[in-house]
N, C-alpha and C. Protein backbone atom coordinates (compact mmCIF):
# COMPACT_ATOMS: atom_id res chain seq x y z
N MET A 1 -14.25 32.78 -8.20
CA MET A 1 -14.92 31.05 -8.83
C MET A 1 -13.75 30.39 -8.63
N SER A 2 -13.10 29.66 -8.10
CA SER A 2 -11.41 28.85 -7.54
C SER A 2 -11.27 27.35 -9.53
N ASN A 3 -10.52 27.86 -9.89
CA ASN A 3 -10.42 26.26 -10.68
C ASN A 3 -9.40 26.10 -10.21
N LYS A 4 -9.47 25.30 -8.90
CA LYS A 4 -9.23 23.77 -8.21
C LYS A 4 -10.13 23.27 -8.20
N ALA A 5 -8.87 22.00 -8.18
CA ALA A 5 -10.35 20.93 -8.74
C ALA A 5 -9.67 19.35 -7.08
N VAL A 6 -9.81 18.41 -7.34
CA VAL A 6 -10.99 17.99 -6.16
C VAL A 6 -10.90 16.39 -6.46
N ILE A 7 -9.63 15.07 -7.20
CA ILE A 7 -9.93 13.93 -7.10
C ILE A 7 -10.11 12.74 -5.59
N SER A 8 -11.34 12.37 -5.18
CA SER A 8 -10.96 11.36 -3.89
C SER A 8 -10.71 10.51 -4.71
N LEU A 9 -10.34 8.50 -4.11
CA LEU A 9 -10.38 8.14 -5.00
C LEU A 9 -9.74 7.18 -3.62
N THR A 10 -10.49 6.15 -3.47
CA THR A 10 -10.66 5.18 -1.96
C THR A 10 -10.01 3.91 -3.22
N THR A 11 -10.72 3.49 -4.88
CA THR A 11 -10.17 2.09 -5.40
C THR A 11 -8.87 1.64 -5.43
N GLY A 12 -7.97 1.19 -4.90
CA GLY A 12 -6.82 0.61 -5.54
C GLY A 12 -7.05 0.06 -7.41
N LEU A 13 -5.50 -0.98 -6.92
CA LEU A 13 -5.50 -1.97 -8.26
C LEU A 13 -6.80 -3.23 -8.60
N GLU A 14 -8.21 -3.19 -7.19
CA GLU A 14 -8.29 -3.55 -7.68
C GLU A 14 -10.01 -3.99 -8.62
N ASP A 15 -10.09 -2.38 -8.70
CA ASP A 15 -10.68 -2.53 -9.96
C ASP A 15 -9.79 -1.31 -10.43
N ALA A 16 -9.16 -0.81 -11.09
CA ALA A 16 -8.22 -1.15 -12.47
C ALA A 16 -8.68 -0.21 -12.95
N GLU A 17 -10.23 -0.75 -13.72
CA GLU A 17 -10.72 0.54 -14.50
C GLU A 17 -10.85 2.08 -13.98
N LYS A 18 -11.50 2.08 -12.83
CA LYS A 18 -11.61 3.13 -11.69
C LYS A 18 -10.80 4.03 -11.48
N VAL A 19 -9.56 3.32 -11.36
CA VAL A 19 -8.18 4.12 -10.66
C VAL A 19 -8.19 4.88 -12.00
N THR A 20 -8.04 4.01 -13.48
CA THR A 20 -8.01 4.31 -14.75
C THR A 20 -8.59 5.83 -15.02
N VAL A 21 -9.99 6.33 -14.65
CA VAL A 21 -11.21 6.93 -14.70
C VAL A 21 -10.27 8.15 -13.87
N ALA A 22 -10.07 8.04 -12.58
CA ALA A 22 -9.96 8.77 -11.95
C ALA A 22 -8.42 9.35 -12.06
N PHE A 23 -7.64 8.40 -12.56
CA PHE A 23 -6.85 9.60 -12.92
C PHE A 23 -6.99 10.16 -14.16
N LEU A 24 -7.89 9.87 -15.48
CA LEU A 24 -7.84 10.23 -16.81
C LEU A 24 -8.03 11.91 -15.89
N VAL A 25 -8.99 11.80 -15.32
CA VAL A 25 -10.29 13.56 -14.84
C VAL A 25 -8.63 13.84 -14.38
N SER A 26 -8.80 13.28 -13.26
CA SER A 26 -6.76 14.16 -12.43
C SER A 26 -6.14 15.61 -13.51
N VAL A 27 -5.61 14.23 -14.61
CA VAL A 27 -4.62 15.07 -15.68
C VAL A 27 -5.16 15.66 -16.74
N GLY A 28 -6.58 14.85 -16.39
CA GLY A 28 -7.15 16.03 -17.65
C GLY A 28 -7.20 17.43 -16.53
N ALA A 29 -7.65 17.86 -15.59
CA ALA A 29 -7.26 18.70 -14.81
C ALA A 29 -6.44 19.83 -14.63
N ALA A 30 -4.92 18.29 -14.76
CA ALA A 30 -4.13 19.04 -14.36
C ALA A 30 -2.77 19.82 -15.04
N GLU A 31 -3.21 18.90 -16.72
CA GLU A 31 -2.84 19.36 -17.51
C GLU A 31 -4.08 20.65 -18.01
N SER A 32 -4.74 20.75 -17.41
CA SER A 32 -5.81 21.70 -18.81
C SER A 32 -5.18 23.70 -17.45
N GLY A 33 -3.77 23.00 -16.43
CA GLY A 33 -3.78 23.71 -15.36
C GLY A 33 -4.48 24.89 -14.61
N ARG A 34 -5.16 23.28 -14.39
CA ARG A 34 -6.14 23.41 -12.82
C ARG A 34 -4.98 22.85 -11.67
N PRO A 35 -4.98 24.19 -10.87
CA PRO A 35 -4.68 23.23 -9.85
C PRO A 35 -5.39 21.98 -9.04
N THR A 36 -5.14 20.57 -8.91
CA THR A 36 -4.56 19.94 -9.05
C THR A 36 -4.75 19.16 -7.66
N LEU A 37 -5.65 17.95 -7.01
CA LEU A 37 -5.39 17.38 -5.33
C LEU A 37 -5.42 16.11 -5.82
N MET A 38 -5.28 14.60 -5.03
CA MET A 38 -5.96 13.94 -5.63
C MET A 38 -5.67 13.35 -4.31
N PHE A 39 -6.88 12.65 -3.54
CA PHE A 39 -6.73 12.52 -2.01
C PHE A 39 -6.86 11.14 -1.92
N LEU A 40 -6.40 10.73 -1.62
CA LEU A 40 -6.42 8.89 -1.38
C LEU A 40 -6.55 7.85 -0.61
N THR A 41 -7.51 7.55 0.19
CA THR A 41 -7.91 7.12 0.76
C THR A 41 -8.05 5.78 0.19
N LYS A 42 -8.41 4.74 1.42
CA LYS A 42 -8.66 3.16 1.57
C LYS A 42 -7.21 2.25 0.78
N GLU A 43 -7.58 1.47 -0.01
CA GLU A 43 -6.65 0.55 -0.69
C GLU A 43 -5.57 1.71 -1.32
N ALA A 44 -6.57 3.27 -2.12
CA ALA A 44 -5.87 4.18 -3.35
C ALA A 44 -4.16 4.21 -2.85
N VAL A 45 -4.49 4.49 -1.59
CA VAL A 45 -3.13 4.69 -0.57
C VAL A 45 -2.13 4.01 -1.57
N ARG A 46 -2.46 3.60 -1.52
CA ARG A 46 -0.71 2.03 -1.78
C ARG A 46 -0.39 2.33 -3.77
N LEU A 47 -1.11 3.36 -4.22
CA LEU A 47 -1.50 3.72 -5.71
C LEU A 47 0.20 4.95 -5.78
N ALA A 48 -0.20 6.06 -4.42
CA ALA A 48 0.68 6.60 -3.99
C ALA A 48 2.34 6.52 -3.81
N LEU A 49 2.21 5.11 -4.24
CA LEU A 49 4.11 4.62 -3.14
C LEU A 49 5.02 3.89 -4.48
N ASN A 50 6.01 4.10 -4.66
CA ASN A 50 6.99 4.50 -6.36
C ASN A 50 6.75 2.81 -6.38
N GLY A 51 5.60 2.16 -7.90
CA GLY A 51 6.31 1.12 -8.71
C GLY A 51 4.82 0.06 -8.04
N VAL A 52 3.69 0.88 -7.91
CA VAL A 52 2.86 -0.64 -8.14
C VAL A 52 1.27 0.36 -8.60
N ALA A 53 1.18 1.59 -9.13
CA ALA A 53 0.63 1.99 -10.08
C ALA A 53 1.16 1.06 -11.50
N VAL A 54 0.76 0.00 -11.95
CA VAL A 54 1.18 -0.42 -13.32
C VAL A 54 -0.16 -1.01 -13.51
N GLY A 55 0.59 -1.32 -15.23
CA GLY A 55 -0.61 -2.50 -16.36
C GLY A 55 -1.39 -1.04 -16.53
N VAL A 56 -1.92 -1.18 -17.42
CA VAL A 56 -3.56 -1.25 -18.21
C VAL A 56 -4.96 -2.08 -18.08
N ALA A 57 -5.47 -1.26 -18.02
CA ALA A 57 -6.85 -1.32 -16.91
C ALA A 57 -7.77 -2.06 -17.88
N CYS A 58 -7.21 -2.26 -19.40
CA CYS A 58 -8.39 -2.51 -20.07
C CYS A 58 -7.35 -2.32 -21.19
N GLU A 59 -7.80 -2.91 -22.39
CA GLU A 59 -7.50 -2.91 -24.36
C GLU A 59 -8.53 -1.67 -24.22
N GLY A 60 -7.37 -0.34 -25.09
CA GLY A 60 -7.64 1.47 -24.67
C GLY A 60 -6.89 1.77 -23.95
N CYS A 61 -7.26 1.67 -22.47
CA CYS A 61 -6.70 2.28 -21.97
C CYS A 61 -5.55 2.43 -21.59
N PRO A 62 -4.55 3.63 -21.27
CA PRO A 62 -3.16 4.22 -21.36
C PRO A 62 -3.15 2.94 -19.78
N PRO A 63 -1.27 3.19 -20.57
CA PRO A 63 -0.34 2.64 -19.05
C PRO A 63 -0.94 3.74 -17.35
N LEU A 64 -1.10 3.18 -16.36
CA LEU A 64 -1.28 3.95 -15.23
C LEU A 64 0.29 4.69 -15.17
N PRO A 65 1.40 3.70 -15.34
CA PRO A 65 2.48 4.97 -15.41
C PRO A 65 2.37 5.98 -16.03
N ASP A 66 2.47 5.89 -17.51
CA ASP A 66 2.44 7.18 -18.29
C ASP A 66 1.17 8.19 -17.45
N LEU A 67 -0.34 7.49 -17.19
CA LEU A 67 -0.61 8.60 -16.48
C LEU A 67 -0.53 8.98 -15.40
N LEU A 68 0.45 8.31 -14.09
CA LEU A 68 1.45 9.52 -12.93
C LEU A 68 2.55 9.88 -13.66
N ARG A 69 3.18 9.87 -14.41
CA ARG A 69 3.84 10.74 -15.13
C ARG A 69 3.26 12.35 -15.26
N ARG A 70 1.87 11.61 -17.17
CA ARG A 70 1.81 12.92 -17.02
C ARG A 70 1.18 14.13 -16.18
N TYR A 71 0.84 12.85 -14.83
CA TYR A 71 0.31 14.00 -13.84
C TYR A 71 1.12 14.67 -12.26
N ALA A 72 2.74 14.03 -12.19
CA ALA A 72 3.28 14.71 -12.00
C ALA A 72 4.23 15.92 -12.29
N GLU A 73 3.95 16.17 -14.17
CA GLU A 73 4.69 16.62 -15.10
C GLU A 73 3.92 18.27 -14.95
N ALA A 74 2.31 17.66 -14.97
CA ALA A 74 1.86 19.02 -14.50
C ALA A 74 1.23 19.29 -13.46
N GLY A 75 2.07 18.78 -13.18
CA GLY A 75 1.85 19.74 -11.14
C GLY A 75 1.05 19.26 -11.07
N GLY A 76 0.43 18.18 -10.84
CA GLY A 76 -0.56 16.82 -10.06
C GLY A 76 0.36 16.21 -8.78
N ARG A 77 -1.23 16.90 -7.21
CA ARG A 77 -0.61 16.47 -6.20
C ARG A 77 -1.36 16.19 -5.10
N PHE A 78 -0.83 14.50 -4.94
CA PHE A 78 -1.88 13.44 -4.11
C PHE A 78 -1.42 13.63 -2.79
N TYR A 79 -2.53 13.77 -1.97
CA TYR A 79 -2.60 14.06 -0.42
C TYR A 79 -2.78 12.56 0.05
N VAL A 80 -2.47 11.39 0.33
CA VAL A 80 -2.39 10.66 1.19
C VAL A 80 -2.46 10.51 2.61
N CYS A 81 -3.76 10.17 3.03
CA CYS A 81 -4.52 9.63 4.27
C CYS A 81 -3.52 9.00 4.57
N PRO A 82 -3.00 10.01 5.93
CA PRO A 82 -1.89 9.05 7.16
C PRO A 82 -2.46 8.08 7.99
N ILE A 83 -4.69 7.97 7.98
CA ILE A 83 -4.91 6.77 9.04
C ILE A 83 -4.69 5.41 8.33
N CYS A 84 -4.91 5.72 6.73
CA CYS A 84 -5.17 4.37 6.27
C CYS A 84 -3.59 4.06 5.73
N PHE A 85 -2.98 4.71 5.20
CA PHE A 85 -1.79 4.29 4.80
C PHE A 85 -0.88 4.35 6.57
N ASP A 86 -1.25 4.33 7.10
CA ASP A 86 -0.13 3.75 8.66
C ASP A 86 -0.52 2.52 8.97
N ALA A 87 -2.29 2.59 9.05
CA ALA A 87 -2.61 1.10 9.30
C ALA A 87 -2.22 -0.40 8.82
N LYS A 88 -2.25 0.29 7.22
CA LYS A 88 -1.88 -0.94 5.94
C LYS A 88 -0.04 -0.86 6.61
N LYS A 89 0.48 -0.23 7.28
CA LYS A 89 1.88 -0.55 7.64
C LYS A 89 2.96 -0.45 6.85
N LEU A 90 2.35 0.87 5.75
CA LEU A 90 2.73 1.37 4.88
C LEU A 90 4.61 1.91 4.98
N ASP A 91 5.24 2.22 4.09
CA ASP A 91 6.71 3.50 4.16
C ASP A 91 7.30 4.83 4.06
N LYS A 92 6.35 5.88 3.62
CA LYS A 92 6.17 6.77 3.43
C LYS A 92 8.16 6.96 3.01
N GLY A 93 9.16 6.30 3.25
CA GLY A 93 9.92 6.30 2.09
C GLY A 93 9.31 6.35 0.43
N ASP A 94 8.45 5.67 0.26
CA ASP A 94 8.62 4.88 -0.98
C ASP A 94 7.36 5.20 -1.27
N LEU A 95 7.36 6.58 -0.77
CA LEU A 95 6.27 7.21 -1.57
C LEU A 95 6.49 8.07 -3.08
N VAL A 96 5.21 8.78 -4.15
CA VAL A 96 6.14 9.24 -5.24
C VAL A 96 6.50 10.45 -4.12
N SER A 97 7.89 10.85 -5.59
CA SER A 97 8.17 12.69 -5.21
C SER A 97 6.74 13.24 -4.68
N ASN A 98 5.63 13.65 -5.60
CA ASN A 98 4.32 14.25 -5.69
C ASN A 98 3.76 14.12 -4.90
N ALA A 99 3.98 13.16 -4.00
CA ALA A 99 3.03 13.06 -2.95
C ALA A 99 3.13 13.34 -1.58
N GLU A 100 2.10 12.87 -0.53
CA GLU A 100 2.59 13.47 1.00
C GLU A 100 1.60 12.93 2.02
N LEU A 101 2.18 12.37 3.34
CA LEU A 101 0.21 11.82 3.67
C LEU A 101 0.32 13.64 4.14
N ALA A 102 -1.25 13.79 4.21
CA ALA A 102 -2.17 14.84 4.79
C ALA A 102 -3.33 14.48 4.63
N GLY A 103 -4.02 15.13 5.94
CA GLY A 103 -5.57 14.62 5.79
C GLY A 103 -6.91 15.35 5.83
N THR A 104 -7.82 14.96 5.67
CA THR A 104 -8.94 16.38 5.55
C THR A 104 -8.96 17.63 6.37
N VAL A 105 -8.10 18.03 7.07
CA VAL A 105 -8.02 19.66 7.34
C VAL A 105 -6.73 19.87 6.16
N PRO A 106 -5.69 19.53 5.65
CA PRO A 106 -4.46 20.31 4.86
C PRO A 106 -5.29 19.45 3.65
N MET A 107 -5.98 19.06 3.56
CA MET A 107 -7.20 19.31 2.20
C MET A 107 -7.01 20.08 2.31
N TRP A 108 -8.69 20.81 3.66
CA TRP A 108 -9.29 21.77 3.83
C TRP A 108 -8.85 23.09 3.07
N LYS A 109 -7.34 23.32 3.82
CA LYS A 109 -6.73 24.39 4.56
C LYS A 109 -6.28 24.37 2.35
N TRP A 110 -5.84 24.04 1.60
CA TRP A 110 -5.36 23.59 0.54
C TRP A 110 -6.80 24.09 -0.67
N ILE A 111 -7.70 23.79 -0.12
CA ILE A 111 -9.25 24.25 -1.60
C ILE A 111 -9.17 25.56 -0.24
N GLY A 112 -8.90 26.09 0.25
CA GLY A 112 -8.85 27.31 0.73
C GLY A 112 -10.54 27.94 1.01
N ASP A 113 -10.38 28.76 0.67
CA ASP A 113 -11.62 30.31 1.22
C ASP A 113 -12.59 29.98 -0.22
N GLU A 114 -12.51 29.39 -1.26
CA GLU A 114 -12.99 29.36 -2.86
C GLU A 114 -13.54 27.87 -2.70
N ALA A 115 -15.10 27.67 -3.58
CA ALA A 115 -14.60 26.03 -4.25
C ALA A 115 -14.11 26.13 -4.89
N ALA A 116 -14.44 24.58 -5.34
CA ALA A 116 -13.39 23.36 -5.95
C ALA A 116 -14.64 22.15 -6.94
N THR A 117 -13.61 22.10 -7.63
CA THR A 117 -14.15 21.07 -8.91
C THR A 117 -13.73 20.23 -7.89
N THR A 118 -15.25 18.60 -7.91
CA THR A 118 -14.54 17.76 -7.15
C THR A 118 -15.59 16.79 -7.40
N PHE A 119 -13.99 15.51 -7.22
CA PHE A 119 -15.43 14.05 -8.14
C PHE A 119 -14.85 13.04 -7.48
N SER A 120 -15.17 12.50 -7.28
CA SER A 120 -14.68 11.19 -6.06
C SER A 120 -15.65 9.83 -6.98
N TYR A 121 -13.99 8.91 -6.79
CA TYR A 121 -14.35 7.09 -7.15
C TYR A 121 -14.44 6.90 -6.48
């Protein structure tokens, strides 16, 4: 059985608590040594841009920049939906270093033939 983790996130900073939960799950998977991929769609695509994922969602919540740093340091990757990204007329030159524009076919290729643990937010 595969130990890969895929976390799908559709929400951006309009729901910072949901974003924080998705990042906590992703960081936990990556820091436990699982190959981890976050698939960002809809408003979540903006979170893969430098300087966007900022702030603290709630009292006691870790700051989003810390979660992004930990995720990258643990080898976590972002696949950013190119359709959603282009529809928002965003600049791919602004993507964080561990993000790339990649849709559902590359996501399935990354998962491969084995099962993966998935979460959706």
